[in-house]
Every structure is written in structure tokens, then in C-alpha cells.
């Protein structure tokens, strides 16, 4: 039995290996897109997006969420969701129109129960 490998055999195995690795990477990319809820093609009409997530404990996270063009920071735990930054107000208040500064928003976080 002849066990000598030719250059063609080596190239065939090399291209097969590269093909399999490429298929695995494509499958991982597809699963990641599906897991994020984006689908295979990104929806441009999606209004609510999770921009970033930071895990700060076993079951606690800090999330930056974008709604349209606004971003809000929330803390998420197993029991509740807490707003960590106020909802940005982009509307012109009557006090701004008259030249006065708007009243400061409350600094205490507001828990939201699911």
C-alpha cells in the first residue's frame, strides 16, 4: 500500500479544512444575529435597541438602551428595573423660551417593577 501524499492531496485537505472553518464562522455569526433579535438582516425600523450591557453581578446588569435618538441608562436585576439616568427631554419648555433654566430633574432613581 502506497501512503505517499501528493501536493494535490495536501491542497484538497487544506481547502476542506478552510471550508469547514468558514462554515462554522458563518453559523456562529448567524446565531449571534438571531440571538440579538436583529434577524439576519438588520431592521432599520427598529426603535428600541440595547446599545451596551455591563454585567455587575450574578444577576445584575447595567444597560444602555436607545429609543429612537434618545439613550437611557437602566439597572436590571431579577426583581426590578431601575432608571439610572433621567429620560432626556428634547422638547423646548416655556421656561427655556423665556431664558430661564429648566428645573433640575430628580436625582433619585425610580424603580420600575416588571
PDB file of N, CA and C in Angstrom:
ATOM      1  N   UNK A   1       0.832  -1.168   0.000  1.00  0.00           N
ATOM      2  CA  UNK A   1       0.000   0.000   0.000  1.00  0.00           C
ATOM      3  C   UNK A   1       0.885   1.241   0.000  1.00  0.00           C
ATOM      4  N   UNK A   2       0.569   2.179  -0.857  1.00  0.00           N
ATOM      5  CA  UNK A   2       1.373   3.391  -1.008  1.00  0.00           C
ATOM      6  C   UNK A   2       0.754   4.501  -0.168  1.00  0.00           C
ATOM      7  N   UNK A   3       1.508   5.059   0.804  1.00  0.00           N
ATOM      8  CA  UNK A   3       0.981   6.101   1.691  1.00  0.00           C
ATOM      9  C   UNK A   3       1.639   7.451   1.436  1.00  0.00           C
ATOM     10  N   UNK A   4       2.131   7.662   0.245  1.00  0.00           N
ATOM     11  CA  UNK A   4       2.754   8.941  -0.084  1.00  0.00           C
ATOM     12  C   UNK A   4       1.663   9.930  -0.473  1.00  0.00           C
ATOM     13  N   UNK A   5       1.705  11.089   0.178  1.00  0.00           N
ATOM     14  CA  UNK A   5       0.723  12.127  -0.127  1.00  0.00           C
ATOM     15  C   UNK A   5       1.303  13.053  -1.180  1.00  0.00           C
ATOM     16  N   UNK A   6       0.491  13.355  -2.146  1.00  0.00           N
ATOM     17  CA  UNK A   6       0.925  14.268  -3.195  1.00  0.00           C
ATOM     18  C   UNK A   6       0.507  15.686  -2.825  1.00  0.00           C
ATOM     19  N   UNK A   7       0.985  16.640  -3.595  1.00  0.00           N
ATOM     20  CA  UNK A   7       0.614  18.043  -3.369  1.00  0.00           C
ATOM     21  C   UNK A   7      -0.890  18.232  -3.531  1.00  0.00           C
ATOM     22  N   UNK A   8      -1.501  17.513  -4.453  1.00  0.00           N
ATOM     23  CA  UNK A   8      -2.950  17.598  -4.659  1.00  0.00           C
ATOM     24  C   UNK A   8      -3.719  17.135  -3.434  1.00  0.00           C
ATOM     25  N   UNK A   9      -3.227  16.071  -2.787  1.00  0.00           N
ATOM     26  CA  UNK A   9      -3.882  15.591  -1.568  1.00  0.00           C
ATOM     27  C   UNK A   9      -3.811  16.632  -0.458  1.00  0.00           C
ATOM     28  N   UNK A  10      -2.635  17.225  -0.282  1.00  0.00           N
ATOM     29  CA  UNK A  10      -2.468  18.251   0.747  1.00  0.00           C
ATOM     30  C   UNK A  10      -3.369  19.454   0.476  1.00  0.00           C
ATOM     31  N   UNK A  11      -3.445  19.882  -0.768  1.00  0.00           N
ATOM     32  CA  UNK A  11      -4.300  21.036  -1.107  1.00  0.00           C
ATOM     33  C   UNK A  11      -5.768  20.711  -0.883  1.00  0.00           C
ATOM     34  N   UNK A  12      -6.179  19.485  -1.227  1.00  0.00           N
ATOM     35  CA  UNK A  12      -7.566  19.086  -1.015  1.00  0.00           C
ATOM     36  C   UNK A  12      -7.921  19.130   0.468  1.00  0.00           C
ATOM     37  N   UNK A  13      -7.063  18.609   1.340  1.00  0.00           N
ATOM     38  CA  UNK A  13      -7.314  18.638   2.773  1.00  0.00           C
ATOM     39  C   UNK A  13      -7.276  20.061   3.325  1.00  0.00           C
ATOM     40  N   UNK A  14      -6.370  20.862   2.831  1.00  0.00           N
ATOM     41  CA  UNK A  14      -6.278  22.242   3.289  1.00  0.00           C
ATOM     42  C   UNK A  14      -7.532  23.031   2.926  1.00  0.00           C
ATOM     43  N   UNK A  15      -8.000  22.911   1.691  1.00  0.00           N
ATOM     44  CA  UNK A  15      -9.202  23.629   1.274  1.00  0.00           C
ATOM     45  C   UNK A  15     -10.442  23.094   1.986  1.00  0.00           C
ATOM     46  N   UNK A  16     -10.491  21.805   2.255  1.00  0.00           N
ATOM     47  CA  UNK A  16     -11.612  21.234   3.010  1.00  0.00           C
ATOM     48  C   UNK A  16     -11.631  21.797   4.426  1.00  0.00           C
ATOM     49  N   UNK A  17     -10.472  21.894   5.053  1.00  0.00           N
ATOM     50  CA  UNK A  17     -10.363  22.442   6.400  1.00  0.00           C
ATOM     51  C   UNK A  17     -10.797  23.904   6.426  1.00  0.00           C
ATOM     52  N   UNK A  18     -10.330  24.686   5.475  1.00  0.00           N
ATOM     53  CA  UNK A  18     -10.709  26.109   5.400  1.00  0.00           C
ATOM     54  C   UNK A  18     -12.208  26.252   5.162  1.00  0.00           C
ATOM     55  N   UNK A  19     -12.786  25.388   4.338  1.00  0.00           N
ATOM     56  CA  UNK A  19     -14.215  25.429   4.060  1.00  0.00           C
ATOM     57  C   UNK A  19     -15.025  25.138   5.324  1.00  0.00           C
ATOM     58  N   UNK A  20     -14.622  24.128   6.086  1.00  0.00           N
ATOM     59  CA  UNK A  20     -15.338  23.769   7.313  1.00  0.00           C
ATOM     60  C   UNK A  20     -15.227  24.890   8.344  1.00  0.00           C
ATOM     61  N   UNK A  21     -14.054  25.468   8.505  1.00  0.00           N
ATOM     62  CA  UNK A  21     -13.887  26.582   9.450  1.00  0.00           C
ATOM     63  C   UNK A  21     -14.738  27.776   9.011  1.00  0.00           C
ATOM     64  N   UNK A  22     -14.781  28.055   7.728  1.00  0.00           N
ATOM     65  CA  UNK A  22     -15.617  29.144   7.213  1.00  0.00           C
ATOM     66  C   UNK A  22     -17.095  28.901   7.482  1.00  0.00           C
ATOM     67  N   UNK A  23     -17.548  27.660   7.314  1.00  0.00           N
ATOM     68  CA  UNK A  23     -18.946  27.336   7.616  1.00  0.00           C
ATOM     69  C   UNK A  23     -19.253  27.520   9.100  1.00  0.00           C
ATOM     70  N   UNK A  24     -18.340  27.120   9.961  1.00  0.00           N
ATOM     71  CA  UNK A  24     -18.538  27.305  11.398  1.00  0.00           C
ATOM     72  C   UNK A  24     -18.618  28.782  11.770  1.00  0.00           C
ATOM     73  N   UNK A  25     -17.743  29.605  11.202  1.00  0.00           N
ATOM     74  CA  UNK A  25     -17.782  31.043  11.481  1.00  0.00           C
ATOM     75  C   UNK A  25     -19.081  31.672  10.978  1.00  0.00           C
ATOM     76  N   UNK A  26     -19.538  31.258   9.810  1.00  0.00           N
ATOM     77  CA  UNK A  26     -20.797  31.780   9.275  1.00  0.00           C
ATOM     78  C   UNK A  26     -21.974  31.359  10.156  1.00  0.00           C
ATOM     79  N   UNK A  27     -21.947  30.139  10.658  1.00  0.00           N
ATOM     80  CA  UNK A  27     -23.006  29.672  11.544  1.00  0.00           C
ATOM     81  C   UNK A  27     -22.997  30.440  12.864  1.00  0.00           C
ATOM     82  N   UNK A  28     -21.815  30.686  13.423  1.00  0.00           N
ATOM     83  CA  UNK A  28     -21.724  31.463  14.659  1.00  0.00           C
ATOM     84  C   UNK A  28     -22.220  32.891  14.459  1.00  0.00           C
ATOM     85  N   UNK A  29     -21.884  33.507  13.347  1.00  0.00           N
ATOM     86  CA  UNK A  29     -22.343  34.868  13.051  1.00  0.00           C
ATOM     87  C   UNK A  29     -23.870  34.889  12.938  1.00  0.00           C
ATOM     88  N   UNK A  30     -24.445  33.891  12.256  1.00  0.00           N
ATOM     89  CA  UNK A  30     -25.895  33.820  12.084  1.00  0.00           C
ATOM     90  C   UNK A  30     -26.588  33.634  13.432  1.00  0.00           C
ATOM     91  N   UNK A  31     -26.059  32.742  14.258  1.00  0.00           N
ATOM     92  CA  UNK A  31     -26.658  32.521  15.573  1.00  0.00           C
ATOM     93  C   UNK A  31     -26.576  33.769  16.444  1.00  0.00           C
ATOM     94  N   UNK A  32     -25.485  34.502  16.359  1.00  0.00           N
ATOM     95  CA  UNK A  32     -25.342  35.734  17.142  1.00  0.00           C
ATOM     96  C   UNK A  32     -26.376  36.777  16.710  1.00  0.00           C
ATOM     97  N   UNK A  33     -26.578  36.912  15.407  1.00  0.00           N
ATOM     98  CA  UNK A  33     -27.579  37.868  14.915  1.00  0.00           C
ATOM     99  C   UNK A  33     -28.977  37.469  15.352  1.00  0.00           C
ATOM    100  N   UNK A  34     -29.277  36.182  15.294  1.00  0.00           N
ATOM    101  CA  UNK A  34     -30.601  35.725  15.703  1.00  0.00           C
ATOM    102  C   UNK A  34     -30.797  35.864  17.205  1.00  0.00           C
ATOM    103  N   UNK A  35     -29.746  35.667  17.995  1.00  0.00           N
ATOM    104  CA  UNK A  35     -29.840  35.780  19.439  1.00  0.00           C
ATOM    105  C   UNK A  35     -30.091  37.227  19.872  1.00  0.00           C
ATOM    106  N   UNK A  36     -29.513  38.190  19.169  1.00  0.00           N
ATOM    107  CA  UNK A  36     -29.699  39.603  19.495  1.00  0.00           C
ATOM    108  C   UNK A  36     -31.056  40.124  19.053  1.00  0.00           C
ATOM    109  N   UNK A  37     -31.844  39.304  18.375  1.00  0.00           N
ATOM    110  CA  UNK A  37     -33.160  39.724  17.927  1.00  0.00           C
ATOM    111  C   UNK A  37     -33.118  40.622  16.715  1.00  0.00           C
ATOM    112  N   UNK A  38     -32.006  40.650  16.013  1.00  0.00           N
ATOM    113  CA  UNK A  38     -31.881  41.511  14.847  1.00  0.00           C
ATOM    114  C   UNK A  38     -32.314  40.814  13.570  1.00  0.00           C
ATOM    115  N   UNK A  39     -32.447  39.522  13.581  1.00  0.00           N
ATOM    116  CA  UNK A  39     -32.716  38.801  12.354  1.00  0.00           C
ATOM    117  C   UNK A  39     -31.438  38.725  11.534  1.00  0.00           C
ATOM    118  N   UNK A  40     -31.522  38.144  10.365  1.00  0.00           N
ATOM    119  CA  UNK A  40     -30.323  38.032   9.539  1.00  0.00           C
ATOM    120  C   UNK A  40     -29.946  39.366   8.910  1.00  0.00           C
ATOM    121  N   UNK A  41     -30.943  40.155   8.574  1.00  0.00           N
ATOM    122  CA  UNK A  41     -30.693  41.493   8.042  1.00  0.00           C
ATOM    123  C   UNK A  41     -31.171  42.496   9.076  1.00  0.00           C
ATOM    124  N   UNK A  42     -30.364  43.488   9.339  1.00  0.00           N
ATOM    125  CA  UNK A  42     -30.691  44.478  10.369  1.00  0.00           C
ATOM    126  C   UNK A  42     -31.895  45.304   9.945  1.00  0.00           C
ATOM    127  N   UNK A  43     -32.847  45.430  10.840  1.00  0.00           N
ATOM    128  CA  UNK A  43     -34.042  46.228  10.572  1.00  0.00           C
ATOM    129  C   UNK A  43     -33.732  47.688  10.852  1.00  0.00           C
ATOM    130  N   UNK A  44     -34.028  48.539   9.909  1.00  0.00           N
ATOM    131  CA  UNK A  44     -33.789  49.967  10.107  1.00  0.00           C
ATOM    132  C   UNK A  44     -34.979  50.642  10.764  1.00  0.00           C
ATOM    133  N   UNK A  45     -36.089  49.926  10.889  1.00  0.00           N
ATOM    134  CA  UNK A  45     -37.269  50.498  11.512  1.00  0.00           C
ATOM    135  C   UNK A  45     -37.359  50.145  12.992  1.00  0.00           C
ATOM    136  N   UNK A  46     -36.369  49.464  13.519  1.00  0.00           N
ATOM    137  CA  UNK A  46     -36.381  49.074  14.915  1.00  0.00           C
ATOM    138  C   UNK A  46     -36.132  50.295  15.798  1.00  0.00           C
ATOM    139  N   UNK A  47     -37.091  50.621  16.676  1.00  0.00           N
ATOM    140  CA  UNK A  47     -36.985  51.816  17.506  1.00  0.00           C
ATOM    141  C   UNK A  47     -36.277  51.565  18.820  1.00  0.00           C
ATOM    142  N   UNK A  48     -36.366  50.360  19.359  1.00  0.00           N
ATOM    143  CA  UNK A  48     -35.793  50.045  20.657  1.00  0.00           C
ATOM    144  C   UNK A  48     -34.587  49.137  20.465  1.00  0.00           C
ATOM    145  N   UNK A  49     -33.425  49.581  20.979  1.00  0.00           N
ATOM    146  CA  UNK A  49     -32.188  48.820  20.819  1.00  0.00           C
ATOM    147  C   UNK A  49     -31.423  48.811  22.133  1.00  0.00           C
ATOM    148  N   UNK A  50     -30.761  47.699  22.409  1.00  0.00           N
ATOM    149  CA  UNK A  50     -29.828  47.631  23.522  1.00  0.00           C
ATOM    150  C   UNK A  50     -28.459  47.972  22.970  1.00  0.00           C
ATOM    151  N   UNK A  51     -27.920  49.125  23.371  1.00  0.00           N
ATOM    152  CA  UNK A  51     -26.643  49.590  22.842  1.00  0.00           C
ATOM    153  C   UNK A  51     -25.497  48.829  23.500  1.00  0.00           C
ATOM    154  N   UNK A  52     -25.493  48.798  24.835  1.00  0.00           N
ATOM    155  CA  UNK A  52     -24.439  48.102  25.574  1.00  0.00           C
ATOM    156  C   UNK A  52     -25.023  47.494  26.834  1.00  0.00           C
ATOM    157  N   UNK A  53     -24.386  46.420  27.292  1.00  0.00           N
ATOM    158  CA  UNK A  53     -24.774  45.761  28.533  1.00  0.00           C
ATOM    159  C   UNK A  53     -23.519  45.475  29.336  1.00  0.00           C
ATOM    160  N   UNK A  54     -23.561  45.804  30.613  1.00  0.00           N
ATOM    161  CA  UNK A  54     -22.437  45.546  31.513  1.00  0.00           C
ATOM    162  C   UNK A  54     -22.944  44.723  32.684  1.00  0.00           C
ATOM    163  N   UNK A  55     -22.372  43.545  32.880  1.00  0.00           N
ATOM    164  CA  UNK A  55     -22.760  42.691  33.987  1.00  0.00           C
ATOM    165  C   UNK A  55     -21.989  43.135  35.225  1.00  0.00           C
ATOM    166  N   UNK A  56     -22.711  43.497  36.287  1.00  0.00           N
ATOM    167  CA  UNK A  56     -22.076  43.979  37.511  1.00  0.00           C
ATOM    168  C   UNK A  56     -22.247  43.009  38.666  1.00  0.00           C
ATOM    169  N   UNK A  57     -22.930  41.922  38.454  1.00  0.00           N
ATOM    170  CA  UNK A  57     -23.130  40.918  39.482  1.00  0.00           C
ATOM    171  C   UNK A  57     -23.680  39.655  38.854  1.00  0.00           C
ATOM    172  N   UNK A  58     -24.016  38.695  39.708  1.00  0.00           N
ATOM    173  CA  UNK A  58     -24.513  37.424  39.195  1.00  0.00           C
ATOM    174  C   UNK A  58     -25.812  37.601  38.417  1.00  0.00           C
ATOM    175  N   UNK A  59     -26.702  38.449  38.922  1.00  0.00           N
ATOM    176  CA  UNK A  59     -27.983  38.658  38.247  1.00  0.00           C
ATOM    177  C   UNK A  59     -28.308  40.141  38.095  1.00  0.00           C
ATOM    178  N   UNK A  60     -27.278  40.978  38.077  1.00  0.00           N
ATOM    179  CA  UNK A  60     -27.468  42.415  37.927  1.00  0.00           C
ATOM    180  C   UNK A  60     -26.712  42.904  36.698  1.00  0.00           C
ATOM    181  N   UNK A  61     -27.364  43.793  35.960  1.00  0.00           N
ATOM    182  CA  UNK A  61     -26.761  44.368  34.754  1.00  0.00           C
ATOM    183  C   UNK A  61     -27.051  45.849  34.697  1.00  0.00           C
ATOM    184  N   UNK A  62     -26.178  46.560  34.011  1.00  0.00           N
ATOM    185  CA  UNK A  62     -26.435  47.947  33.648  1.00  0.00           C
ATOM    186  C   UNK A  62     -26.567  47.958  32.138  1.00  0.00           C
ATOM    187  N   UNK A  63     -27.651  48.534  31.639  1.00  0.00           N
ATOM    188  CA  UNK A  63     -27.931  48.516  30.205  1.00  0.00           C
ATOM    189  C   UNK A  63     -28.114  49.936  29.684  1.00  0.00           C
ATOM    190  N   UNK A  64     -27.531  50.205  28.538  1.00  0.00           N
ATOM    191  CA  UNK A  64     -27.755  51.455  27.828  1.00  0.00           C
ATOM    192  C   UNK A  64     -28.727  51.139  26.704  1.00  0.00           C
ATOM    193  N   UNK A  65     -29.900  51.755  26.765  1.00  0.00           N
ATOM    194  CA  UNK A  65     -30.978  51.458  25.820  1.00  0.00           C
ATOM    195  C   UNK A  65     -31.240  52.695  24.981  1.00  0.00           C
ATOM    196  N   UNK A  66     -31.396  52.501  23.676  1.00  0.00           N
ATOM    197  CA  UNK A  66     -31.699  53.607  22.757  1.00  0.00           C
ATOM    198  C   UNK A  66     -33.127  53.436  22.244  1.00  0.00           C
ATOM    199  N   UNK A  67     -33.896  54.514  22.386  1.00  0.00           N
ATOM    200  CA  UNK A  67     -35.238  54.585  21.829  1.00  0.00           C
ATOM    201  C   UNK A  67     -35.235  55.756  20.871  1.00  0.00           C
ATOM    202  N   UNK A  68     -35.425  55.478  19.606  1.00  0.00           N
ATOM    203  CA  UNK A  68     -35.284  56.471  18.549  1.00  0.00           C
ATOM    204  C   UNK A  68     -33.886  57.097  18.647  1.00  0.00           C
ATOM    205  N   UNK A  69     -33.789  58.369  18.965  1.00  0.00           N
ATOM    206  CA  UNK A  69     -32.481  59.031  19.081  1.00  0.00           C
ATOM    207  C   UNK A  69     -32.092  59.294  20.535  1.00  0.00           C
ATOM    208  N   UNK A  70     -32.890  58.833  21.471  1.00  0.00           N
ATOM    209  CA  UNK A  70     -32.630  59.070  22.893  1.00  0.00           C
ATOM    210  C   UNK A  70     -31.988  57.834  23.517  1.00  0.00           C
ATOM    211  N   UNK A  71     -31.120  58.053  24.490  1.00  0.00           N
ATOM    212  CA  UNK A  71     -30.489  56.950  25.214  1.00  0.00           C
ATOM    213  C   UNK A  71     -30.793  57.097  26.698  1.00  0.00           C
ATOM    214  N   UNK A  72     -31.026  55.963  27.356  1.00  0.00           N
ATOM    215  CA  UNK A  72     -31.324  55.944  28.779  1.00  0.00           C
ATOM    216  C   UNK A  72     -30.553  54.797  29.419  1.00  0.00           C
ATOM    217  N   UNK A  73     -30.070  55.023  30.635  1.00  0.00           N
ATOM    218  CA  UNK A  73     -29.288  54.041  31.365  1.00  0.00           C
ATOM    219  C   UNK A  73     -30.169  53.416  32.432  1.00  0.00           C
ATOM    220  N   UNK A  74     -30.266  52.084  32.447  1.00  0.00           N
ATOM    221  CA  UNK A  74     -31.102  51.392  33.418  1.00  0.00           C
ATOM    222  C   UNK A  74     -30.297  50.297  34.105  1.00  0.00           C
ATOM    223  N   UNK A  75     -30.652  50.026  35.341  1.00  0.00           N
ATOM    224  CA  UNK A  75     -30.104  48.912  36.087  1.00  0.00           C
ATOM    225  C   UNK A  75     -31.140  47.801  36.124  1.00  0.00           C
ATOM    226  N   UNK A  76     -30.716  46.588  35.813  1.00  0.00           N
ATOM    227  CA  UNK A  76     -31.638  45.468  35.719  1.00  0.00           C
ATOM    228  C   UNK A  76     -31.216  44.400  36.722  1.00  0.00           C
ATOM    229  N   UNK A  77     -32.159  43.950  37.540  1.00  0.00           N
ATOM    230  CA  UNK A  77     -31.908  42.840  38.452  1.00  0.00           C
ATOM    231  C   UNK A  77     -33.028  41.832  38.255  1.00  0.00           C
ATOM    232  N   UNK A  78     -32.998  40.777  39.036  1.00  0.00           N
ATOM    233  CA  UNK A  78     -34.020  39.748  38.902  1.00  0.00           C
ATOM    234  C   UNK A  78     -35.393  40.257  39.352  1.00  0.00           C
ATOM    235  N   UNK A  79     -35.425  41.235  40.266  1.00  0.00           N
ATOM    236  CA  UNK A  79     -36.693  41.700  40.812  1.00  0.00           C
ATOM    237  C   UNK A  79     -37.229  42.957  40.152  1.00  0.00           C
ATOM    238  N   UNK A  80     -36.356  43.848  39.692  1.00  0.00           N
ATOM    239  CA  UNK A  80     -36.865  45.104  39.143  1.00  0.00           C
ATOM    240  C   UNK A  80     -35.898  45.731  38.147  1.00  0.00           C
ATOM    241  N   UNK A  81     -36.368  46.810  37.558  1.00  0.00           N
ATOM    242  CA  UNK A  81     -35.584  47.633  36.634  1.00  0.00           C
ATOM    243  C   UNK A  81     -35.561  49.038  37.225  1.00  0.00           C
ATOM    244  N   UNK A  82     -34.354  49.616  37.335  1.00  0.00           N
ATOM    245  CA  UNK A  82     -34.205  50.944  37.928  1.00  0.00           C
ATOM    246  C   UNK A  82     -33.624  51.900  36.899  1.00  0.00           C
ATOM    247  N   UNK A  83     -34.254  53.050  36.747  1.00  0.00           N
ATOM    248  CA  UNK A  83     -33.756  54.070  35.833  1.00  0.00           C
ATOM    249  C   UNK A  83     -32.570  54.759  36.510  1.00  0.00           C
ATOM    250  N   UNK A  84     -31.402  54.729  35.879  1.00  0.00           N
ATOM    251  CA  UNK A  84     -30.203  55.328  36.454  1.00  0.00           C
ATOM    252  C   UNK A  84     -29.922  56.722  35.914  1.00  0.00           C
ATOM    253  N   UNK A  85     -30.455  57.033  34.745  1.00  0.00           N
ATOM    254  CA  UNK A  85     -30.319  58.381  34.189  1.00  0.00           C
ATOM    255  C   UNK A  85     -31.699  58.856  33.768  1.00  0.00           C
ATOM    256  N   UNK A  86     -31.960  60.133  33.883  1.00  0.00           N
ATOM    257  CA  UNK A  86     -33.292  60.638  33.521  1.00  0.00           C
ATOM    258  C   UNK A  86     -33.513  60.538  32.010  1.00  0.00           C
ATOM    259  N   UNK A  87     -34.768  60.470  31.661  1.00  0.00           N
ATOM    260  CA  UNK A  87     -35.147  60.434  30.254  1.00  0.00           C
ATOM    261  C   UNK A  87     -34.837  61.791  29.641  1.00  0.00           C
ATOM    262  N   UNK A  88     -34.023  61.843  28.597  1.00  0.00           N
ATOM    263  CA  UNK A  88     -33.682  63.155  28.020  1.00  0.00           C
ATOM    264  C   UNK A  88     -34.896  63.804  27.388  1.00  0.00           C
ATOM    265  N   UNK A  89     -35.058  65.072  27.692  1.00  0.00           N
ATOM    266  CA  UNK A  89     -36.191  65.824  27.170  1.00  0.00           C
ATOM    267  C   UNK A  89     -35.689  66.756  26.082  1.00  0.00           C
ATOM    268  N   UNK A  90     -36.097  66.516  24.861  1.00  0.00           N
ATOM    269  CA  UNK A  90     -35.632  67.311  23.732  1.00  0.00           C
ATOM    270  C   UNK A  90     -36.633  68.387  23.312  1.00  0.00           C
ATOM    271  N   UNK A  91     -37.707  68.492  24.053  1.00  0.00           N
ATOM    272  CA  UNK A  91     -38.708  69.497  23.705  1.00  0.00           C
ATOM    273  C   UNK A  91     -38.350  70.824  24.369  1.00  0.00           C
ATOM    274  N   UNK A  92     -38.734  71.920  23.739  1.00  0.00           N
ATOM    275  CA  UNK A  92     -38.470  73.244  24.286  1.00  0.00           C
ATOM    276  C   UNK A  92     -39.544  73.561  25.319  1.00  0.00           C
ATOM    277  N   UNK A  93     -39.086  73.839  26.537  1.00  0.00           N
ATOM    278  CA  UNK A  93     -40.011  74.197  27.607  1.00  0.00           C
ATOM    279  C   UNK A  93     -40.296  75.694  27.529  1.00  0.00           C
ATOM    280  N   UNK A  94     -41.387  76.120  28.140  1.00  0.00           N
ATOM    281  CA  UNK A  94     -41.716  77.541  28.155  1.00  0.00           C
ATOM    282  C   UNK A  94     -40.690  78.328  28.960  1.00  0.00           C
ATOM    283  N   UNK A  95     -40.055  77.684  29.970  1.00  0.00           N
ATOM    284  CA  UNK A  95     -39.039  78.379  30.745  1.00  0.00           C
ATOM    285  C   UNK A  95     -37.781  78.604  29.916  1.00  0.00           C
ATOM    286  N   UNK A  96     -37.478  77.694  28.986  1.00  0.00           N
ATOM    287  CA  UNK A  96     -36.319  77.880  28.118  1.00  0.00           C
ATOM    288  C   UNK A  96     -36.574  78.998  27.110  1.00  0.00           C
ATOM    289  N   UNK A  97     -37.798  79.090  26.674  1.00  0.00           N
ATOM    290  CA  UNK A  97     -38.120  80.126  25.700  1.00  0.00           C
ATOM    291  C   UNK A  97     -38.003  81.511  26.317  1.00  0.00           C
ATOM    292  N   UNK A  98     -38.273  81.611  27.633  1.00  0.00           N
ATOM    293  CA  UNK A  98     -38.189  82.911  28.286  1.00  0.00           C
ATOM    294  C   UNK A  98     -36.783  83.213  28.789  1.00  0.00           C
ATOM    295  N   UNK A  99     -35.843  82.260  28.603  1.00  0.00           N
ATOM    296  CA  UNK A  99     -34.465  82.494  29.001  1.00  0.00           C
ATOM    297  C   UNK A  99     -34.106  81.927  30.348  1.00  0.00           C
ATOM    298  N   UNK A 100     -35.064  81.349  31.067  1.00  0.00           N
ATOM    299  CA  UNK A 100     -34.785  80.758  32.369  1.00  0.00           C
ATOM    300  C   UNK A 100     -34.333  79.316  32.188  1.00  0.00           C
ATOM    301  N   UNK A 101     -33.497  78.855  33.102  1.00  0.00           N
ATOM    302  CA  UNK A 101     -33.044  77.460  33.059  1.00  0.00           C
ATOM    303  C   UNK A 101     -34.160  76.555  33.547  1.00  0.00           C
ATOM    304  N   UNK A 102     -34.322  75.387  32.941  1.00  0.00           N
ATOM    305  CA  UNK A 102     -35.366  74.459  33.393  1.00  0.00           C
ATOM    306  C   UNK A 102     -35.015  73.887  34.759  1.00  0.00           C
ATOM    307  N   UNK A 103     -36.031  73.493  35.490  1.00  0.00           N
ATOM    308  CA  UNK A 103     -35.817  72.899  36.821  1.00  0.00           C
ATOM    309  C   UNK A 103     -35.062  71.591  36.677  1.00  0.00           C
ATOM    310  N   UNK A 104     -34.194  71.315  37.640  1.00  0.00           N
ATOM    311  CA  UNK A 104     -33.393  70.087  37.606  1.00  0.00           C
ATOM    312  C   UNK A 104     -34.291  68.882  37.824  1.00  0.00           C
ATOM    313  N   UNK A 105     -33.954  67.818  37.146  1.00  0.00           N
ATOM    314  CA  UNK A 105     -34.713  66.584  37.297  1.00  0.00           C
ATOM    315  C   UNK A 105     -34.315  65.918  38.604  1.00  0.00           C
ATOM    316  N   UNK A 106     -35.193  65.122  39.139  1.00  0.00           N
ATOM    317  CA  UNK A 106     -34.910  64.427  40.402  1.00  0.00           C
ATOM    318  C   UNK A 106     -33.738  63.482  40.218  1.00  0.00           C
ATOM    319  N   UNK A 107     -32.836  63.467  41.188  1.00  0.00           N
ATOM    320  CA  UNK A 107     -31.625  62.664  41.081  1.00  0.00           C
ATOM    321  C   UNK A 107     -31.824  61.252  41.592  1.00  0.00           C
ATOM    322  N   UNK A 108     -32.906  61.003  42.334  1.00  0.00           N
ATOM    323  CA  UNK A 108     -33.092  59.666  42.876  1.00  0.00           C
ATOM    324  C   UNK A 108     -33.614  58.733  41.809  1.00  0.00           C
ATOM    325  N   UNK A 109     -33.066  57.490  41.754  1.00  0.00           N
ATOM    326  CA  UNK A 109     -33.528  56.534  40.744  1.00  0.00           C
ATOM    327  C   UNK A 109     -34.952  56.100  41.040  1.00  0.00           C
ATOM    328  N   UNK A 110     -35.672  55.814  39.978  1.00  0.00           N
ATOM    329  CA  UNK A 110     -37.068  55.395  40.086  1.00  0.00           C
ATOM    330  C   UNK A 110     -37.149  53.923  39.699  1.00  0.00           C
ATOM    331  N   UNK A 111     -37.488  53.036  40.657  1.00  0.00           N
ATOM    332  CA  UNK A 111     -37.582  51.623  40.289  1.00  0.00           C
ATOM    333  C   UNK A 111     -38.839  51.344  39.483  1.00  0.00           C
ATOM    334  N   UNK A 112     -38.712  50.505  38.492  1.00  0.00           N
ATOM    335  CA  UNK A 112     -39.829  50.057  37.683  1.00  0.00           C
ATOM    336  C   UNK A 112     -40.011  48.572  37.942  1.00  0.00           C
ATOM    337  N   UNK A 113     -41.185  48.155  38.271  1.00  0.00           N
ATOM    338  CA  UNK A 113     -41.414  46.731  38.510  1.00  0.00           C
ATOM    339  C   UNK A 113     -42.011  46.114  37.255  1.00  0.00           C
ATOM    340  N   UNK A 114     -41.473  44.964  36.846  1.00  0.00           N
ATOM    341  CA  UNK A 114     -41.986  44.331  35.616  1.00  0.00           C
ATOM    342  C   UNK A 114     -43.356  43.760  35.795  1.00  0.00           C
TER     343      UNK A 114
END
